[in-house]
Amino acid sequence: MAGEFDHLSQLALDEARQNGYMEGHADGLQEGLETGLQEGTLLALRAALLRMTNHRFGSTDNSFRLRVASENRAEQLYAWMDQIVSASGIDEVQDLFSQ
């Protein structure tokens, strides 16, 4: 009887351990997917912003490229895109390039 109880206890522990492992694995996978999606979005926004700037004004200043590369807020990248799109000339975005 005691041996059967020990065996059932061990099975219950193994099942709980397996469930915990699977739950932890699923949580880690979800977190990895979310992080990857965020990083991929930032990379795409940075590249699009630089392409838009090059297309509109011919080239980009190195300091602006560094600012874009180090920016981690999508809303800021979108704001810069809006400035580039709505500018009628390079003089309107000169402060963006020189900061």
PDB file of N, CA and C in Angstrom:
ATOM      1  N   MET A   1       0.817  -1.186   0.000  1.00  0.00           N
ATOM      2  CA  MET A   1       0.000   0.000   0.000  1.00  0.00           C
ATOM      3  C   MET A   1       0.867   1.259   0.000  1.00  0.00           C
ATOM      4  N   ALA A   2       1.885   1.275   0.857  1.00  0.00           N
ATOM      5  CA  ALA A   2       2.767   2.437   0.935  1.00  0.00           C
ATOM      6  C   ALA A   2       3.517   2.611  -0.375  1.00  0.00           C
ATOM      7  N   GLY A   3       3.917   1.488  -0.990  1.00  0.00           N
ATOM      8  CA  GLY A   3       4.617   1.560  -2.270  1.00  0.00           C
ATOM      9  C   GLY A   3       3.723   2.126  -3.364  1.00  0.00           C
ATOM     10  N   GLU A   4       2.452   1.751  -3.334  1.00  0.00           N
ATOM     11  CA  GLU A   4       1.506   2.270  -4.323  1.00  0.00           C
ATOM     12  C   GLU A   4       1.293   3.770  -4.124  1.00  0.00           C
ATOM     13  N   PHE A   5       1.211   4.211  -2.861  1.00  0.00           N
ATOM     14  CA  PHE A   5       1.052   5.636  -2.572  1.00  0.00           C
ATOM     15  C   PHE A   5       2.272   6.420  -3.050  1.00  0.00           C
ATOM     16  N   ASP A   6       3.471   5.884  -2.788  1.00  0.00           N
ATOM     17  CA  ASP A   6       4.700   6.542  -3.240  1.00  0.00           C
ATOM     18  C   ASP A   6       4.727   6.639  -4.761  1.00  0.00           C
ATOM     19  N   HIS A   7       4.289   5.582  -5.421  1.00  0.00           N
ATOM     20  CA  HIS A   7       4.260   5.576  -6.884  1.00  0.00           C
ATOM     21  C   HIS A   7       3.270   6.623  -7.410  1.00  0.00           C
ATOM     22  N   LEU A   8       2.079   6.696  -6.806  1.00  0.00           N
ATOM     23  CA  LEU A   8       1.086   7.689  -7.216  1.00  0.00           C
ATOM     24  C   LEU A   8       1.572   9.109  -6.919  1.00  0.00           C
ATOM     25  N   SER A   9       2.236   9.284  -5.780  1.00  0.00           N
ATOM     26  CA  SER A   9       2.794  10.601  -5.444  1.00  0.00           C
ATOM     27  C   SER A   9       3.846  11.008  -6.468  1.00  0.00           C
ATOM     28  N   GLN A  10       4.690  10.049  -6.842  1.00  0.00           N
ATOM     29  CA  GLN A  10       5.727  10.340  -7.831  1.00  0.00           C
ATOM     30  C   GLN A  10       5.107  10.681  -9.184  1.00  0.00           C
ATOM     31  N   LEU A  11       4.063   9.972  -9.577  1.00  0.00           N
ATOM     32  CA  LEU A  11       3.370  10.276 -10.834  1.00  0.00           C
ATOM     33  C   LEU A  11       2.757  11.677 -10.796  1.00  0.00           C
ATOM     34  N   ALA A  12       2.149  12.038  -9.659  1.00  0.00           N
ATOM     35  CA  ALA A  12       1.547  13.366  -9.525  1.00  0.00           C
ATOM     36  C   ALA A  12       2.621  14.452  -9.591  1.00  0.00           C
ATOM     37  N   LEU A  13       3.762  14.212  -8.932  1.00  0.00           N
ATOM     38  CA  LEU A  13       4.866  15.173  -8.989  1.00  0.00           C
ATOM     39  C   LEU A  13       5.410  15.307 -10.409  1.00  0.00           C
ATOM     40  N   ASP A  14       5.563  14.185 -11.086  1.00  0.00           N
ATOM     41  CA  ASP A  14       6.053  14.215 -12.468  1.00  0.00           C
ATOM     42  C   ASP A  14       5.099  14.982 -13.375  1.00  0.00           C
ATOM     43  N   GLU A  15       3.806  14.760 -13.185  1.00  0.00           N
ATOM     44  CA  GLU A  15       2.810  15.460 -14.003  1.00  0.00           C
ATOM     45  C   GLU A  15       2.829  16.962 -13.714  1.00  0.00           C
ATOM     46  N   ALA A  16       2.914  17.325 -12.431  1.00  0.00           N
ATOM     47  CA  ALA A  16       2.972  18.744 -12.064  1.00  0.00           C
ATOM     48  C   ALA A  16       4.239  19.387 -12.624  1.00  0.00           C
ATOM     49  N   ARG A  17       5.354  18.673 -12.539  1.00  0.00           N
ATOM     50  CA  ARG A  17       6.613  19.180 -13.069  1.00  0.00           C
ATOM     51  C   ARG A  17       6.514  19.387 -14.579  1.00  0.00           C
ATOM     52  N   GLN A  18       5.934  18.418 -15.264  1.00  0.00           N
ATOM     53  CA  GLN A  18       5.766  18.503 -16.716  1.00  0.00           C
ATOM     54  C   GLN A  18       4.846  19.663 -17.095  1.00  0.00           C
ATOM     55  N   ASN A  19       3.745  19.819 -16.355  1.00  0.00           N
ATOM     56  CA  ASN A  19       2.828  20.937 -16.616  1.00  0.00           C
ATOM     57  C   ASN A  19       3.519  22.278 -16.382  1.00  0.00           C
ATOM     58  N   GLY A  20       4.304  22.366 -15.315  1.00  0.00           N
ATOM     59  CA  GLY A  20       5.044  23.595 -15.045  1.00  0.00           C
ATOM     60  C   GLY A  20       6.054  23.889 -16.134  1.00  0.00           C
ATOM     61  N   TYR A  21       6.730  22.848 -16.601  1.00  0.00           N
ATOM     62  CA  TYR A  21       7.694  23.014 -17.685  1.00  0.00           C
ATOM     63  C   TYR A  21       6.996  23.518 -18.943  1.00  0.00           C
ATOM     64  N   MET A  22       5.876  22.901 -19.284  1.00  0.00           N
ATOM     65  CA  MET A  22       5.155  23.294 -20.496  1.00  0.00           C
ATOM     66  C   MET A  22       4.622  24.722 -20.375  1.00  0.00           C
ATOM     67  N   GLU A  23       4.114  25.082 -19.204  1.00  0.00           N
ATOM     68  CA  GLU A  23       3.606  26.440 -19.007  1.00  0.00           C
ATOM     69  C   GLU A  23       4.742  27.456 -19.103  1.00  0.00           C
ATOM     70  N   GLY A  24       5.872  27.142 -18.483  1.00  0.00           N
ATOM     71  CA  GLY A  24       7.030  28.033 -18.566  1.00  0.00           C
ATOM     72  C   GLY A  24       7.534  28.164 -19.987  1.00  0.00           C
ATOM     73  N   HIS A  25       7.542  27.063 -20.713  1.00  0.00           N
ATOM     74  CA  HIS A  25       7.975  27.079 -22.107  1.00  0.00           C
ATOM     75  C   HIS A  25       7.029  27.941 -22.950  1.00  0.00           C
ATOM     76  N   ALA A  26       5.730  27.796 -22.731  1.00  0.00           N
ATOM     77  CA  ALA A  26       4.746  28.590 -23.478  1.00  0.00           C
ATOM     78  C   ALA A  26       4.884  30.073 -23.149  1.00  0.00           C
ATOM     79  N   ASP A  27       5.092  30.391 -21.869  1.00  0.00           N
ATOM     80  CA  ASP A  27       5.278  31.794 -21.476  1.00  0.00           C
ATOM     81  C   ASP A  27       6.533  32.375 -22.116  1.00  0.00           C
ATOM     82  N   GLY A  28       7.611  31.604 -22.109  1.00  0.00           N
ATOM     83  CA  GLY A  28       8.854  32.060 -22.722  1.00  0.00           C
ATOM     84  C   GLY A  28       8.714  32.250 -24.215  1.00  0.00           C
ATOM     85  N   LEU A  29       8.004  31.348 -24.852  1.00  0.00           N
ATOM     86  CA  LEU A  29       7.772  31.454 -26.292  1.00  0.00           C
ATOM     87  C   LEU A  29       6.949  32.697 -26.608  1.00  0.00           C
ATOM     88  N   GLN A  30       5.910  32.943 -25.834  1.00  0.00           N
ATOM     89  CA  GLN A  30       5.066  34.124 -26.036  1.00  0.00           C
ATOM     90  C   GLN A  30       5.880  35.401 -25.864  1.00  0.00           C
ATOM     91  N   GLU A  31       6.689  35.448 -24.808  1.00  0.00           N
ATOM     92  CA  GLU A  31       7.515  36.632 -24.561  1.00  0.00           C
ATOM     93  C   GLU A  31       8.521  36.831 -25.694  1.00  0.00           C
ATOM     94  N   GLY A  32       9.101  35.743 -26.171  1.00  0.00           N
ATOM     95  CA  GLY A  32      10.042  35.832 -27.283  1.00  0.00           C
ATOM     96  C   GLY A  32       9.383  36.331 -28.556  1.00  0.00           C
ATOM     97  N   LEU A  33       8.181  35.858 -28.818  1.00  0.00           N
ATOM     98  CA  LEU A  33       7.455  36.318 -30.002  1.00  0.00           C
ATOM     99  C   LEU A  33       7.124  37.802 -29.914  1.00  0.00           C
ATOM    100  N   GLU A  34       6.674  38.239 -28.741  1.00  0.00           N
ATOM    101  CA  GLU A  34       6.334  39.655 -28.564  1.00  0.00           C
ATOM    102  C   GLU A  34       7.568  40.540 -28.720  1.00  0.00           C
ATOM    103  N   THR A  35       8.672  40.120 -28.116  1.00  0.00           N
ATOM    104  CA  THR A  35       9.912  40.891 -28.229  1.00  0.00           C
ATOM    105  C   THR A  35      10.391  40.925 -29.670  1.00  0.00           C
ATOM    106  N   GLY A  36      10.339  39.790 -30.341  1.00  0.00           N
ATOM    107  CA  GLY A  36      10.750  39.733 -31.740  1.00  0.00           C
ATOM    108  C   GLY A  36       9.889  40.612 -32.625  1.00  0.00           C
ATOM    109  N   LEU A  37       8.608  40.635 -32.369  1.00  0.00           N
ATOM    110  CA  LEU A  37       7.698  41.474 -33.143  1.00  0.00           C
ATOM    111  C   LEU A  37       7.995  42.953 -32.911  1.00  0.00           C
ATOM    112  N   GLN A  38       8.235  43.325 -31.659  1.00  0.00           N
ATOM    113  CA  GLN A  38       8.560  44.723 -31.352  1.00  0.00           C
ATOM    114  C   GLN A  38       9.871  45.135 -32.009  1.00  0.00           C
ATOM    115  N   GLU A  39      10.889  44.293 -31.897  1.00  0.00           N
ATOM    116  CA  GLU A  39      12.186  44.611 -32.496  1.00  0.00           C
ATOM    117  C   GLU A  39      12.085  44.672 -34.014  1.00  0.00           C
ATOM    118  N   GLY A  40      11.342  43.745 -34.597  1.00  0.00           N
ATOM    119  CA  GLY A  40      11.157  43.756 -36.047  1.00  0.00           C
ATOM    120  C   GLY A  40      10.427  44.999 -36.522  1.00  0.00           C
ATOM    121  N   THR A  41       9.444  45.419 -35.758  1.00  0.00           N
ATOM    122  CA  THR A  41       8.705  46.639 -36.098  1.00  0.00           C
ATOM    123  C   THR A  41       9.621  47.851 -36.050  1.00  0.00           C
ATOM    124  N   LEU A  42      10.439  47.947 -35.002  1.00  0.00           N
ATOM    125  CA  LEU A  42      11.368  49.074 -34.897  1.00  0.00           C
ATOM    126  C   LEU A  42      12.370  49.083 -36.048  1.00  0.00           C
ATOM    127  N   LEU A  43      12.892  47.915 -36.399  1.00  0.00           N
ATOM    128  CA  LEU A  43      13.833  47.843 -37.527  1.00  0.00           C
ATOM    129  C   LEU A  43      13.177  48.298 -38.822  1.00  0.00           C
ATOM    130  N   ALA A  44      11.958  47.857 -39.046  1.00  0.00           N
ATOM    131  CA  ALA A  44      11.246  48.240 -40.269  1.00  0.00           C
ATOM    132  C   ALA A  44      10.957  49.739 -40.290  1.00  0.00           C
ATOM    133  N   LEU A  45      10.552  50.299 -39.159  1.00  0.00           N
ATOM    134  CA  LEU A  45      10.273  51.737 -39.087  1.00  0.00           C
ATOM    135  C   LEU A  45      11.540  52.556 -39.317  1.00  0.00           C
ATOM    136  N   ARG A  46      12.643  52.129 -38.705  1.00  0.00           N
ATOM    137  CA  ARG A  46      13.912  52.845 -38.902  1.00  0.00           C
ATOM    138  C   ARG A  46      14.317  52.841 -40.372  1.00  0.00           C
ATOM    139  N   ALA A  47      14.248  51.667 -40.990  1.00  0.00           N
ATOM    140  CA  ALA A  47      14.631  51.553 -42.403  1.00  0.00           C
ATOM    141  C   ALA A  47      13.713  52.387 -43.289  1.00  0.00           C
ATOM    142  N   ALA A  48      12.420  52.345 -43.017  1.00  0.00           N
ATOM    143  CA  ALA A  48      11.467  53.118 -43.821  1.00  0.00           C
ATOM    144  C   ALA A  48      11.718  54.616 -43.671  1.00  0.00           C
ATOM    145  N   LEU A  49      11.994  55.064 -42.464  1.00  0.00           N
ATOM    146  CA  LEU A  49      12.255  56.484 -42.224  1.00  0.00           C
ATOM    147  C   LEU A  49      13.493  56.949 -42.987  1.00  0.00           C
ATOM    148  N   LEU A  50      14.552  56.168 -42.941  1.00  0.00           N
ATOM    149  CA  LEU A  50      15.769  56.549 -43.666  1.00  0.00           C
ATOM    150  C   LEU A  50      15.552  56.526 -45.176  1.00  0.00           C
ATOM    151  N   ARG A  51      14.812  55.534 -45.669  1.00  0.00           N
ATOM    152  CA  ARG A  51      14.513  55.490 -47.115  1.00  0.00           C
ATOM    153  C   ARG A  51      13.668  56.688 -47.531  1.00  0.00           C
ATOM    154  N   MET A  52      12.668  57.024 -46.724  1.00  0.00           N
ATOM    155  CA  MET A  52      11.819  58.179 -47.039  1.00  0.00           C
ATOM    156  C   MET A  52      12.644  59.459 -47.076  1.00  0.00           C
ATOM    157  N   THR A  53      13.521  59.604 -46.097  1.00  0.00           N
ATOM    158  CA  THR A  53      14.349  60.805 -46.019  1.00  0.00           C
ATOM    159  C   THR A  53      15.288  60.889 -47.215  1.00  0.00           C
ATOM    160  N   ASN A  54      15.926  59.778 -47.551  1.00  0.00           N
ATOM    161  CA  ASN A  54      16.815  59.759 -48.720  1.00  0.00           C
ATOM    162  C   ASN A  54      16.044  60.059 -49.998  1.00  0.00           C
ATOM    163  N   HIS A  55      14.862  59.509 -50.113  1.00  0.00           N
ATOM    164  CA  HIS A  55      14.048  59.724 -51.314  1.00  0.00           C
ATOM    165  C   HIS A  55      13.632  61.189 -51.439  1.00  0.00           C
ATOM    166  N   ARG A  56      13.229  61.795 -50.331  1.00  0.00           N
ATOM    167  CA  ARG A  56      12.751  63.184 -50.370  1.00  0.00           C
ATOM    168  C   ARG A  56      13.873  64.197 -50.511  1.00  0.00           C
ATOM    169  N   PHE A  57      15.005  63.939 -49.825  1.00  0.00           N
ATOM    170  CA  PHE A  57      16.035  64.973 -49.731  1.00  0.00           C
ATOM    171  C   PHE A  57      17.397  64.550 -50.275  1.00  0.00           C
ATOM    172  N   GLY A  58      17.498  63.352 -50.822  1.00  0.00           N
ATOM    173  CA  GLY A  58      18.738  62.923 -51.463  1.00  0.00           C
ATOM    174  C   GLY A  58      19.732  62.223 -50.565  1.00  0.00           C
ATOM    175  N   SER A  59      19.840  62.627 -49.330  1.00  0.00           N
ATOM    176  CA  SER A  59      20.772  61.974 -48.409  1.00  0.00           C
ATOM    177  C   SER A  59      20.369  62.310 -46.978  1.00  0.00           C
ATOM    178  N   THR A  60      21.004  61.631 -46.055  1.00  0.00           N
ATOM    179  CA  THR A  60      20.739  61.910 -44.643  1.00  0.00           C
ATOM    180  C   THR A  60      22.052  62.165 -43.930  1.00  0.00           C
ATOM    181  N   ASP A  61      21.994  63.028 -42.972  1.00  0.00           N
ATOM    182  CA  ASP A  61      23.139  63.368 -42.144  1.00  0.00           C
ATOM    183  C   ASP A  61      23.466  62.186 -41.227  1.00  0.00           C
ATOM    184  N   ASN A  62      24.749  61.967 -40.944  1.00  0.00           N
ATOM    185  CA  ASN A  62      25.148  60.865 -40.063  1.00  0.00           C
ATOM    186  C   ASN A  62      24.550  60.989 -38.669  1.00  0.00           C
ATOM    187  N   SER A  63      24.454  62.206 -38.154  1.00  0.00           N
ATOM    188  CA  SER A  63      23.881  62.373 -36.816  1.00  0.00           C
ATOM    189  C   SER A  63      22.406  61.972 -36.804  1.00  0.00           C
ATOM    190  N   PHE A  64      21.697  62.259 -37.905  1.00  0.00           N
ATOM    191  CA  PHE A  64      20.300  61.841 -37.995  1.00  0.00           C
ATOM    192  C   PHE A  64      20.207  60.319 -38.072  1.00  0.00           C
ATOM    193  N   ARG A  65      21.076  59.697 -38.852  1.00  0.00           N
ATOM    194  CA  ARG A  65      21.081  58.224 -38.928  1.00  0.00           C
ATOM    195  C   ARG A  65      21.311  57.604 -37.560  1.00  0.00           C
ATOM    196  N   LEU A  66      22.237  58.173 -36.809  1.00  0.00           N
ATOM    197  CA  LEU A  66      22.506  57.659 -35.465  1.00  0.00           C
ATOM    198  C   LEU A  66      21.303  57.851 -34.546  1.00  0.00           C
ATOM    199  N   ARG A  67      20.630  58.988 -34.658  1.00  0.00           N
ATOM    200  CA  ARG A  67      19.421  59.221 -33.853  1.00  0.00           C
ATOM    201  C   ARG A  67      18.349  58.203 -34.188  1.00  0.00           C
ATOM    202  N   VAL A  68      18.167  57.951 -35.473  1.00  0.00           N
ATOM    203  CA  VAL A  68      17.158  56.976 -35.901  1.00  0.00           C
ATOM    204  C   VAL A  68      17.535  55.588 -35.397  1.00  0.00           C
ATOM    205  N   ALA A  69      18.802  55.213 -35.537  1.00  0.00           N
ATOM    206  CA  ALA A  69      19.247  53.879 -35.125  1.00  0.00           C
ATOM    207  C   ALA A  69      19.110  53.654 -33.624  1.00  0.00           C
ATOM    208  N   SER A  70      19.247  54.716 -32.837  1.00  0.00           N
ATOM    209  CA  SER A  70      19.184  54.551 -31.383  1.00  0.00           C
ATOM    210  C   SER A  70      17.783  54.770 -30.806  1.00  0.00           C
ATOM    211  N   GLU A  71      16.839  55.183 -31.638  1.00  0.00           N
ATOM    212  CA  GLU A  71      15.477  55.437 -31.150  1.00  0.00           C
ATOM    213  C   GLU A  71      14.729  54.119 -30.952  1.00  0.00           C
ATOM    214  N   ASN A  72      14.180  53.938 -29.753  1.00  0.00           N
ATOM    215  CA  ASN A  72      13.467  52.705 -29.414  1.00  0.00           C
ATOM    216  C   ASN A  72      11.974  52.904 -29.214  1.00  0.00           C
ATOM    217  N   ARG A  73      11.473  54.076 -29.576  1.00  0.00           N
ATOM    218  CA  ARG A  73      10.039  54.344 -29.417  1.00  0.00           C
ATOM    219  C   ARG A  73       9.413  54.480 -30.799  1.00  0.00           C
ATOM    220  N   ALA A  74       8.509  53.577 -31.091  1.00  0.00           N
ATOM    221  CA  ALA A  74       7.846  53.589 -32.397  1.00  0.00           C
ATOM    222  C   ALA A  74       7.102  54.899 -32.621  1.00  0.00           C
ATOM    223  N   GLU A  75       6.493  55.448 -31.575  1.00  0.00           N
ATOM    224  CA  GLU A  75       5.733  56.689 -31.743  1.00  0.00           C
ATOM    225  C   GLU A  75       6.635  57.846 -32.175  1.00  0.00           C
ATOM    226  N   GLN A  76       7.884  57.866 -31.716  1.00  0.00           N
ATOM    227  CA  GLN A  76       8.816  58.915 -32.137  1.00  0.00           C
ATOM    228  C   GLN A  76       9.205  58.725 -33.603  1.00  0.00           C
ATOM    229  N   LEU A  77       9.436  57.492 -34.001  1.00  0.00           N
ATOM    230  CA  LEU A  77       9.770  57.220 -35.400  1.00  0.00           C
ATOM    231  C   LEU A  77       8.611  57.621 -36.313  1.00  0.00           C
ATOM    232  N   TYR A  78       7.385  57.318 -35.892  1.00  0.00           N
ATOM    233  CA  TYR A  78       6.208  57.739 -36.669  1.00  0.00           C
ATOM    234  C   TYR A  78       6.112  59.267 -36.746  1.00  0.00           C
ATOM    235  N   ALA A  79       6.424  59.951 -35.646  1.00  0.00           N
ATOM    236  CA  ALA A  79       6.376  61.420 -35.638  1.00  0.00           C
ATOM    237  C   ALA A  79       7.394  61.991 -36.621  1.00  0.00           C
ATOM    238  N   TRP A  80       8.582  61.416 -36.651  1.00  0.00           N
ATOM    239  CA  TRP A  80       9.590  61.877 -37.606  1.00  0.00           C
ATOM    240  C   TRP A  80       9.146  61.613 -39.042  1.00  0.00           C
ATOM    241  N   MET A  81       8.509  60.464 -39.256  1.00  0.00           N
ATOM    242  CA  MET A  81       7.989  60.163 -40.599  1.00  0.00           C
ATOM    243  C   MET A  81       6.976  61.221 -41.023  1.00  0.00           C
ATOM    244  N   ASP A  82       6.090  61.578 -40.105  1.00  0.00           N
ATOM    245  CA  ASP A  82       5.101  62.619 -40.408  1.00  0.00           C
ATOM    246  C   ASP A  82       5.777  63.930 -40.778  1.00  0.00           C
ATOM    247  N   GLN A  83       6.835  64.288 -40.053  1.00  0.00           N
ATOM    248  CA  GLN A  83       7.556  65.516 -40.357  1.00  0.00           C
ATOM    249  C   GLN A  83       8.181  65.453 -41.752  1.00  0.00           C
ATOM    250  N   ILE A  84       8.773  64.322 -42.090  1.00  0.00           N
ATOM    251  CA  ILE A  84       9.422  64.164 -43.395  1.00  0.00           C
ATOM    252  C   ILE A  84       8.384  64.245 -44.509  1.00  0.00           C
ATOM    253  N   VAL A  85       7.263  63.562 -44.330  1.00  0.00           N
ATOM    254  CA  VAL A  85       6.222  63.530 -45.362  1.00  0.00           C
ATOM    255  C   VAL A  85       5.585  64.899 -45.552  1.00  0.00           C
ATOM    256  N   SER A  86       5.344  65.614 -44.465  1.00  0.00           N
ATOM    257  CA  SER A  86       4.626  66.885 -44.574  1.00  0.00           C
ATOM    258  C   SER A  86       5.526  68.072 -44.902  1.00  0.00           C
ATOM    259  N   ALA A  87       6.830  67.902 -44.839  1.00  0.00           N
ATOM    260  CA  ALA A  87       7.741  69.018 -45.119  1.00  0.00           C
ATOM    261  C   ALA A  87       7.724  69.353 -46.604  1.00  0.00           C
ATOM    262  N   SER A  88       7.695  70.642 -46.897  1.00  0.00           N
ATOM    263  CA  SER A  88       7.730  71.057 -48.302  1.00  0.00           C
ATOM    264  C   SER A  88       9.164  71.231 -48.785  1.00  0.00           C
ATOM    265  N   GLY A  89      10.091  71.306 -47.858  1.00  0.00           N
ATOM    266  CA  GLY A  89      11.496  71.441 -48.228  1.00  0.00           C
ATOM    267  C   GLY A  89      12.391  71.019 -47.091  1.00  0.00           C
ATOM    268  N   ILE A  90      13.672  70.877 -47.394  1.00  0.00           N
ATOM    269  CA  ILE A  90      14.612  70.404 -46.383  1.00  0.00           C
ATOM    270  C   ILE A  90      14.761  71.391 -45.233  1.00  0.00           C
ATOM    271  N   ASP A  91      14.532  72.679 -45.504  1.00  0.00           N
ATOM    272  CA  ASP A  91      14.658  73.676 -44.439  1.00  0.00           C
ATOM    273  C   ASP A  91      13.649  73.449 -43.316  1.00  0.00           C
ATOM    274  N   GLU A  92      12.517  72.830 -43.619  1.00  0.00           N
ATOM    275  CA  GLU A  92      11.500  72.559 -42.594  1.00  0.00           C
ATOM    276  C   GLU A  92      11.894  71.422 -41.658  1.00  0.00           C
ATOM    277  N   VAL A  93      12.803  70.580 -42.085  1.00  0.00           N
ATOM    278  CA  VAL A  93      13.225  69.458 -41.239  1.00  0.00           C
ATOM    279  C   VAL A  93      14.694  69.559 -40.852  1.00  0.00           C
ATOM    280  N   GLN A  94      15.301  70.703 -41.104  1.00  0.00           N
ATOM    281  CA  GLN A  94      16.718  70.879 -40.796  1.00  0.00           C
ATOM    282  C   GLN A  94      17.005  70.650 -39.318  1.00  0.00           C
ATOM    283  N   ASP A  95      16.105  71.105 -38.444  1.00  0.00           N
ATOM    284  CA  ASP A  95      16.306  70.884 -37.010  1.00  0.00           C
ATOM    285  C   ASP A  95      16.273  69.403 -36.660  1.00  0.00           C
ATOM    286  N   LEU A  96      15.507  68.637 -37.398  1.00  0.00           N
ATOM    287  CA  LEU A  96      15.447  67.193 -37.200  1.00  0.00           C
ATOM    288  C   LEU A  96      16.797  66.558 -37.512  1.00  0.00           C
ATOM    289  N   PHE A  97      17.464  67.057 -38.542  1.00  0.00           N
ATOM    290  CA  PHE A  97      18.756  66.507 -38.941  1.00  0.00           C
ATOM    291  C   PHE A  97      19.889  66.948 -38.022  1.00  0.00           C
ATOM    292  N   SER A  98      19.784  68.118 -37.451  1.00  0.00           N
ATOM    293  CA  SER A  98      20.921  68.684 -36.733  1.00  0.00           C
ATOM    294  C   SER A  98      20.907  68.453 -35.228  1.00  0.00           C
ATOM    295  N   GLN A  99      19.863  67.887 -34.679  1.00  0.00           N
ATOM    296  CA  GLN A  99      19.789  67.696 -33.221  1.00  0.00           C
ATOM    297  C   GLN A  99      20.706  66.602 -32.761  1.00  0.00           C
TER     298      GLN A  99
END
